[in-house]
C-alpha atoms as a PDB file:
ATOM      1  CA  MET A   1      15.982 -18.134  10.844  1.00  0.00           C
ATOM      2  CA  ILE A   2      16.972 -16.780   7.728  1.00  0.00           C
ATOM      3  CA  SER A   3      20.134 -16.287   6.236  1.00  0.00           C
ATOM      4  CA  ALA A   4      21.168 -13.316   3.985  1.00  0.00           C
ATOM      5  CA  GLY A   5      22.302 -15.636   1.180  1.00  0.00           C
ATOM      6  CA  GLU A   6      18.260 -16.815   1.124  1.00  0.00           C
ATOM      7  CA  PHE A   7      17.005 -13.383   0.776  1.00  0.00           C
ATOM      8  CA  ARG A   8      14.585 -12.773  -1.870  1.00  0.00           C
ATOM      9  CA  ASN A   9      12.131  -9.618  -2.612  1.00  0.00           C
ATOM     10  CA  GLY A  10       9.206  -9.299  -0.422  1.00  0.00           C
ATOM     11  CA  VAL A  11      10.625 -11.509   2.377  1.00  0.00           C
ATOM     12  CA  THR A  12      10.269 -10.167   6.005  1.00  0.00           C
ATOM     13  CA  MET A  13      12.546 -10.183   8.798  1.00  0.00           C
ATOM     14  CA  GLU A  14      13.782  -8.291  11.915  1.00  0.00           C
ATOM     15  CA  TYR A  15      16.547  -6.391  11.788  1.00  0.00           C
ATOM     16  CA  GLU A  16      17.516  -4.284  14.887  1.00  0.00           C
ATOM     17  CA  GLY A  17      14.129  -5.159  16.886  1.00  0.00           C
ATOM     18  CA  ALA A  18      12.300  -3.801  14.383  1.00  0.00           C
ATOM     19  CA  PRO A  19      10.125  -5.523  11.266  1.00  0.00           C
ATOM     20  CA  TYR A  20      11.443  -4.827   7.555  1.00  0.00           C
ATOM     21  CA  VAL A  21      10.719  -5.826   3.961  1.00  0.00           C
ATOM     22  CA  ILE A  22      13.494  -6.738   1.395  1.00  0.00           C
ATOM     23  CA  LEU A  23      12.633  -4.118  -1.656  1.00  0.00           C
ATOM     24  CA  GLU A  24      15.946  -5.242  -3.842  1.00  0.00           C
ATOM     25  CA  PHE A  25      18.568  -7.201  -3.220  1.00  0.00           C
ATOM     26  CA  GLN A  26      21.882  -8.290  -5.020  1.00  0.00           C
ATOM     27  CA  HIS A  27      24.385 -10.948  -4.261  1.00  0.00           C
ATOM     28  CA  VAL A  28      28.164  -9.454  -5.165  1.00  0.00           C
ATOM     29  CA  LYS A  29      30.652 -11.979  -5.264  1.00  0.00           C
ATOM     30  CA  PRO A  30      33.692  -9.241  -5.923  1.00  0.00           C
ATOM     31  CA  GLY A  31      37.212 -10.723  -7.720  1.00  0.00           C
ATOM     32  CA  LYS A  32      38.965 -10.204  -4.297  1.00  0.00           C
ATOM     33  CA  GLY A  33      37.522 -10.986  -1.110  1.00  0.00           C
ATOM     34  CA  ALA A  34      34.543 -12.179   0.215  1.00  0.00           C
ATOM     35  CA  ALA A  35      31.010 -12.120  -1.105  1.00  0.00           C
ATOM     36  CA  PHE A  36      28.441 -10.132   0.099  1.00  0.00           C
ATOM     37  CA  VAL A  37      24.566  -8.930   0.112  1.00  0.00           C
ATOM     38  CA  ARG A  38      23.607  -6.151  -0.941  1.00  0.00           C
ATOM     39  CA  THR A  39      19.805  -4.832   0.035  1.00  0.00           C
ATOM     40  CA  LYS A  40      17.473  -2.081  -0.109  1.00  0.00           C
ATOM     41  CA  ILE A  41      14.905  -3.019   2.881  1.00  0.00           C
ATOM     42  CA  LYS A  42      11.897  -1.446   4.093  1.00  0.00           C
ATOM     43  CA  ASN A  43      10.864  -0.744   7.883  1.00  0.00           C
ATOM     44  CA  LEU A  44       7.287  -1.827   8.175  1.00  0.00           C
ATOM     45  CA  LYS A  45       6.667   0.211  10.640  1.00  0.00           C
ATOM     46  CA  THR A  46       8.321   4.214   9.969  1.00  0.00           C
ATOM     47  CA  GLY A  47       8.359   3.264   5.949  1.00  0.00           C
ATOM     48  CA  ALA A  48      12.174   4.298   6.335  1.00  0.00           C
ATOM     49  CA  VAL A  49      13.964   2.629   3.556  1.00  0.00           C
ATOM     50  CA  LEU A  50      17.672   1.571   4.083  1.00  0.00           C
ATOM     51  CA  GLU A  51      20.756   0.050   2.259  1.00  0.00           C
ATOM     52  CA  LYS A  52      22.336  -2.540   3.938  1.00  0.00           C
ATOM     53  CA  THR A  53      25.261  -5.018   3.196  1.00  0.00           C
ATOM     54  CA  PHE A  54      25.085  -8.267   4.592  1.00  0.00           C
ATOM     55  CA  ARG A  55      27.830 -11.545   5.033  1.00  0.00           C
ATOM     56  CA  PRO A  56      25.671 -14.468   3.138  1.00  0.00           C
ATOM     57  CA  THR A  57      25.999 -16.734   6.315  1.00  0.00           C
ATOM     58  CA  GLU A  58      24.565 -13.733   8.138  1.00  0.00           C
ATOM     59  CA  LYS A  59      20.738 -14.871   9.901  1.00  0.00           C
ATOM     60  CA  MET A  60      18.043 -12.892  10.894  1.00  0.00           C
ATOM     61  CA  PRO A  61      15.132 -13.998  12.370  1.00  0.00           C
ATOM     62  CA  ARG A  62      12.105 -13.638   9.954  1.00  0.00           C
ATOM     63  CA  ALA A  63       9.297 -11.075  10.437  1.00  0.00           C
ATOM     64  CA  HIS A  64       5.913 -12.590  11.161  1.00  0.00           C
ATOM     65  CA  ILE A  65       3.235 -10.317   9.787  1.00  0.00           C
ATOM     66  CA  GLU A  66      -0.325 -10.991  10.502  1.00  0.00           C
ATOM     67  CA  ARG A  67      -2.532 -10.063   7.647  1.00  0.00           C
ATOM     68  CA  GLN A  68      -6.384  -9.872   8.765  1.00  0.00           C
ATOM     69  CA  ASP A  69      -8.841  -8.887   6.098  1.00  0.00           C
ATOM     70  CA  MET A  70     -11.112  -6.438   7.883  1.00  0.00           C
ATOM     71  CA  GLN A  71     -14.519  -4.185   6.852  1.00  0.00           C
ATOM     72  CA  TYR A  72     -13.961  -0.844   7.352  1.00  0.00           C
ATOM     73  CA  LEU A  73     -16.560   0.921   9.142  1.00  0.00           C
ATOM     74  CA  TYR A  74     -16.243   4.457   9.878  1.00  0.00           C
ATOM     75  CA  ASN A  75     -14.111   7.601  10.734  1.00  0.00           C
ATOM     76  CA  ASP A  76     -14.959   9.419  13.764  1.00  0.00           C
ATOM     77  CA  GLY A  77     -12.163  11.966  13.435  1.00  0.00           C
ATOM     78  CA  ASP A  78      -9.039  10.871  15.071  1.00  0.00           C
ATOM     79  CA  LEU A  79      -9.991   6.964  14.981  1.00  0.00           C
ATOM     80  CA  PHE A  80     -10.737   4.853  12.037  1.00  0.00           C
ATOM     81  CA  HIS A  81     -13.101   1.714  13.206  1.00  0.00           C
ATOM     82  CA  PHE A  82     -12.871  -1.987  11.587  1.00  0.00           C
ATOM     83  CA  MET A  83     -14.569  -4.729  12.036  1.00  0.00           C
ATOM     84  CA  ASN A  84     -13.707  -8.725  11.552  1.00  0.00           C
ATOM     85  CA  SER A  85     -16.354 -10.362   9.646  1.00  0.00           C
ATOM     86  CA  GLU A  86     -16.270 -13.492  11.326  1.00  0.00           C
ATOM     87  CA  THR A  87     -16.197 -12.835  14.717  1.00  0.00           C
ATOM     88  CA  PHE A  88     -17.593  -9.627  14.712  1.00  0.00           C
ATOM     89  CA  ASP A  89     -14.528  -8.039  16.743  1.00  0.00           C
ATOM     90  CA  GLN A  90     -14.610  -4.368  16.174  1.00  0.00           C
ATOM     91  CA  ILE A  91     -11.011  -2.480  16.523  1.00  0.00           C
ATOM     92  CA  ALA A  92     -10.125   1.369  16.363  1.00  0.00           C
ATOM     93  CA  ILE A  93      -6.799   2.377  14.541  1.00  0.00           C
ATOM     94  CA  ASN A  94      -5.251   5.912  15.266  1.00  0.00           C
ATOM     95  CA  ALA A  95      -5.175   8.258  11.965  1.00  0.00           C
ATOM     96  CA  ALA A  96      -1.953   8.346  12.090  1.00  0.00           C
ATOM     97  CA  GLU A  97      -1.148   5.270  12.021  1.00  0.00           C
ATOM     98  CA  VAL A  98      -4.007   4.873   8.786  1.00  0.00           C
ATOM     99  CA  GLY A  99      -2.082   7.876   6.608  1.00  0.00           C
ATOM    100  CA  ASP A 100      -3.109   7.890   3.220  1.00  0.00           C
ATOM    101  CA  SER A 101      -3.820   4.226   3.022  1.00  0.00           C
ATOM    102  CA  LEU A 102      -7.680   4.561   3.190  1.00  0.00           C
ATOM    103  CA  LYS A 103      -7.839   7.588   0.375  1.00  0.00           C
ATOM    104  CA  PHE A 104      -9.442   5.312  -2.265  1.00  0.00           C
ATOM    105  CA  VAL A 105     -11.727   3.049   0.267  1.00  0.00           C
ATOM    106  CA  LYS A 106     -15.253   3.387   0.864  1.00  0.00           C
ATOM    107  CA  GLU A 107     -17.028   2.735   4.105  1.00  0.00           C
ATOM    108  CA  ASN A 108     -17.916  -1.079   4.545  1.00  0.00           C
ATOM    109  CA  GLU A 109     -14.854  -1.893   2.027  1.00  0.00           C
ATOM    110  CA  VAL A 110     -12.770  -4.937   3.496  1.00  0.00           C
ATOM    111  CA  VAL A 111      -9.091  -3.881   3.882  1.00  0.00           C
ATOM    112  CA  LYS A 112      -6.115  -5.841   5.603  1.00  0.00           C
ATOM    113  CA  ILE A 113      -4.970  -4.741   8.535  1.00  0.00           C
ATOM    114  CA  LEU A 114      -0.815  -5.432   8.885  1.00  0.00           C
ATOM    115  CA  SER A 115       0.194  -6.297  12.556  1.00  0.00           C
ATOM    116  CA  TYR A 116       3.528  -7.326  13.854  1.00  0.00           C
ATOM    117  CA  ASP A 117       3.517  -9.063  17.373  1.00  0.00           C
ATOM    118  CA  GLY A 118       0.141  -7.793  17.958  1.00  0.00           C
ATOM    119  CA  GLN A 119       1.149  -3.969  16.797  1.00  0.00           C
ATOM    120  CA  VAL A 120      -1.386  -2.591  13.891  1.00  0.00           C
ATOM    121  CA  PHE A 121       1.226  -0.819  12.090  1.00  0.00           C
ATOM    122  CA  GLY A 122      -0.754  -0.663   8.438  1.00  0.00           C
ATOM    123  CA  ILE A 123      -3.469  -0.774   6.451  1.00  0.00           C
ATOM    124  CA  GLU A 124      -3.741  -2.349   2.600  1.00  0.00           C
ATOM    125  CA  PRO A 125      -6.138  -1.272   0.729  1.00  0.00           C
ATOM    126  CA  PRO A 126      -8.066  -3.143  -2.118  1.00  0.00           C
ATOM    127  CA  LEU A 127      -5.437  -2.938  -5.671  1.00  0.00           C
ATOM    128  CA  PHE A 128      -8.404  -1.985  -7.328  1.00  0.00           C
ATOM    129  CA  VAL A 129     -11.203   0.078  -6.489  1.00  0.00           C
ATOM    130  CA  GLU A 130     -14.479   1.651  -8.651  1.00  0.00           C
ATOM    131  CA  LEU A 131     -15.246   5.007  -7.309  1.00  0.00           C
ATOM    132  CA  VAL A 132     -17.333   7.960  -8.572  1.00  0.00           C
ATOM    133  CA  ILE A 133     -16.470  11.389  -9.599  1.00  0.00           C
ATOM    134  CA  THR A 134     -18.222  14.009  -7.975  1.00  0.00           C
ATOM    135  CA  GLU A 135     -16.429  17.231  -9.215  1.00  0.00           C
ATOM    136  CA  THR A 136     -14.423  17.910 -12.429  1.00  0.00           C
ATOM    137  CA  GLU A 137     -14.637  19.888 -15.269  1.00  0.00           C
ATOM    138  CA  PRO A 138     -17.288  18.955 -17.821  1.00  0.00           C
ATOM    139  CA  GLY A 139     -16.025  16.441 -20.153  1.00  0.00           C
ATOM    140  CA  PHE A 140     -15.108  16.918 -24.083  1.00  0.00           C
ATOM    141  CA  ALA A 141     -13.998  15.015 -26.994  1.00  0.00           C
ATOM    142  CA  GLY A 142     -10.953  15.948 -29.159  1.00  0.00           C
ATOM    143  CA  ASN A 143      -7.528  16.257 -29.677  1.00  0.00           C
ATOM    144  CA  THR A 144      -6.395  13.707 -26.792  1.00  0.00           C
ATOM    145  CA  ALA A 145      -3.406  12.058 -28.748  1.00  0.00           C
ATOM    146  CA  GLN A 146      -0.900  13.174 -25.931  1.00  0.00           C
ATOM    147  CA  GLY A 147      -3.068  11.803 -23.118  1.00  0.00           C
ATOM    148  CA  ALA A 148      -4.475  15.318 -21.530  1.00  0.00           C
ATOM    149  CA  THR A 149      -5.719  14.823 -18.260  1.00  0.00           C
ATOM    150  CA  LYS A 150      -7.780  17.238 -15.769  1.00  0.00           C
ATOM    151  CA  PRO A 151      -8.351  16.703 -12.149  1.00  0.00           C
ATOM    152  CA  ALA A 152     -11.297  14.986 -10.777  1.00  0.00           C
ATOM    153  CA  ILE A 153     -12.510  14.965  -7.070  1.00  0.00           C
ATOM    154  CA  LEU A 154     -13.732  10.952  -6.247  1.00  0.00           C
ATOM    155  CA  GLU A 155     -16.630  10.113  -3.848  1.00  0.00           C
ATOM    156  CA  THR A 156     -13.870   9.229  -0.607  1.00  0.00           C
ATOM    157  CA  GLY A 157     -12.525  13.025  -1.520  1.00  0.00           C
ATOM    158  CA  ALA A 158      -9.303  12.169  -3.024  1.00  0.00           C
ATOM    159  CA  GLN A 159      -8.307  13.619  -6.250  1.00  0.00           C
ATOM    160  CA  ILE A 160      -6.895  12.384  -9.464  1.00  0.00           C
ATOM    161  CA  GLN A 161      -6.051  13.044 -12.871  1.00  0.00           C
ATOM    162  CA  VAL A 162      -8.293  11.634 -15.387  1.00  0.00           C
ATOM    163  CA  PRO A 163      -8.437  12.092 -19.130  1.00  0.00           C
ATOM    164  CA  LEU A 164     -10.358  14.905 -20.590  1.00  0.00           C
ATOM    165  CA  PHE A 165     -13.195  13.082 -21.771  1.00  0.00           C
ATOM    166  CA  ILE A 166     -14.263  11.634 -18.410  1.00  0.00           C
ATOM    167  CA  ASN A 167     -17.211  13.406 -16.799  1.00  0.00           C
ATOM    168  CA  GLN A 168     -18.646  13.972 -13.474  1.00  0.00           C
ATOM    169  CA  ASP A 169     -20.972  11.122 -12.146  1.00  0.00           C
ATOM    170  CA  GLU A 170     -19.058   8.566 -13.946  1.00  0.00           C
ATOM    171  CA  LEU A 171     -17.425   5.435 -12.614  1.00  0.00           C
ATOM    172  CA  VAL A 172     -14.157   4.969 -13.209  1.00  0.00           C
ATOM    173  CA  LYS A 173     -11.852   2.294 -12.041  1.00  0.00           C
ATOM    174  CA  ILE A 174      -8.243   3.347  -9.655  1.00  0.00           C
ATOM    175  CA  ASP A 175      -5.327   1.497  -9.317  1.00  0.00           C
ATOM    176  CA  THR A 176      -4.687   2.095  -5.215  1.00  0.00           C
ATOM    177  CA  ARG A 177      -1.124   1.928  -5.170  1.00  0.00           C
ATOM    178  CA  THR A 178      -0.178   4.602  -7.571  1.00  0.00           C
ATOM    179  CA  GLY A 179      -3.537   6.390  -7.661  1.00  0.00           C
ATOM    180  CA  GLU A 180      -3.760   6.326 -11.419  1.00  0.00           C
ATOM    181  CA  TYR A 181      -7.255   6.170 -13.224  1.00  0.00           C
ATOM    182  CA  LEU A 182      -7.075   2.924 -15.177  1.00  0.00           C
ATOM    183  CA  GLY A 183     -10.409   3.253 -17.304  1.00  0.00           C
ATOM    184  CA  ARG A 184     -14.126   3.312 -17.414  1.00  0.00           C
ATOM    185  CA  ALA A 185     -15.486   0.803 -14.720  1.00  0.00           C
ATOM    186  CA  ASN A 186     -18.264  -1.628 -16.161  1.00  0.00           C
ATOM    187  CA  SER A 187     -21.594  -1.140 -14.173  1.00  0.00           C
END
């Protein structure tokens, strides 16, 4: 159990039968009345974000989220297949549950599978990936002082914005949380 007075960013808890993660919290002690904790919490299954207030003495059960490293094998339309590299157990996850989380992930890369009470609810890709640009307009050097960008298609099919000097078939580094171009990859 965790009391609202112990809330911190990133703590997971069970609230109304569902797992939540605390995105923001603020201990408020008004001049008059009892203190309270104002929070912004995110439902880990649905992705919905709620703003809730709790009394500092309220207790919630901790939500134990299991994170397991698995290798992404392939996609056969409706199902995405993953394998545990140690036990070689394979699981298939529905495309609806995967969502956009694999748009920067190539086959055979390792991702974290998130589950709660044995039910998979999410996938965490690696924070940074290196991918080849398969399609973009020809690059040119020039007036890039304003940070001008152009669209580029990656080998996974995802589209990002890259600087004007980047060419097709170049290896670039991407932040999977934001989809931002970070720079050329060292190859």
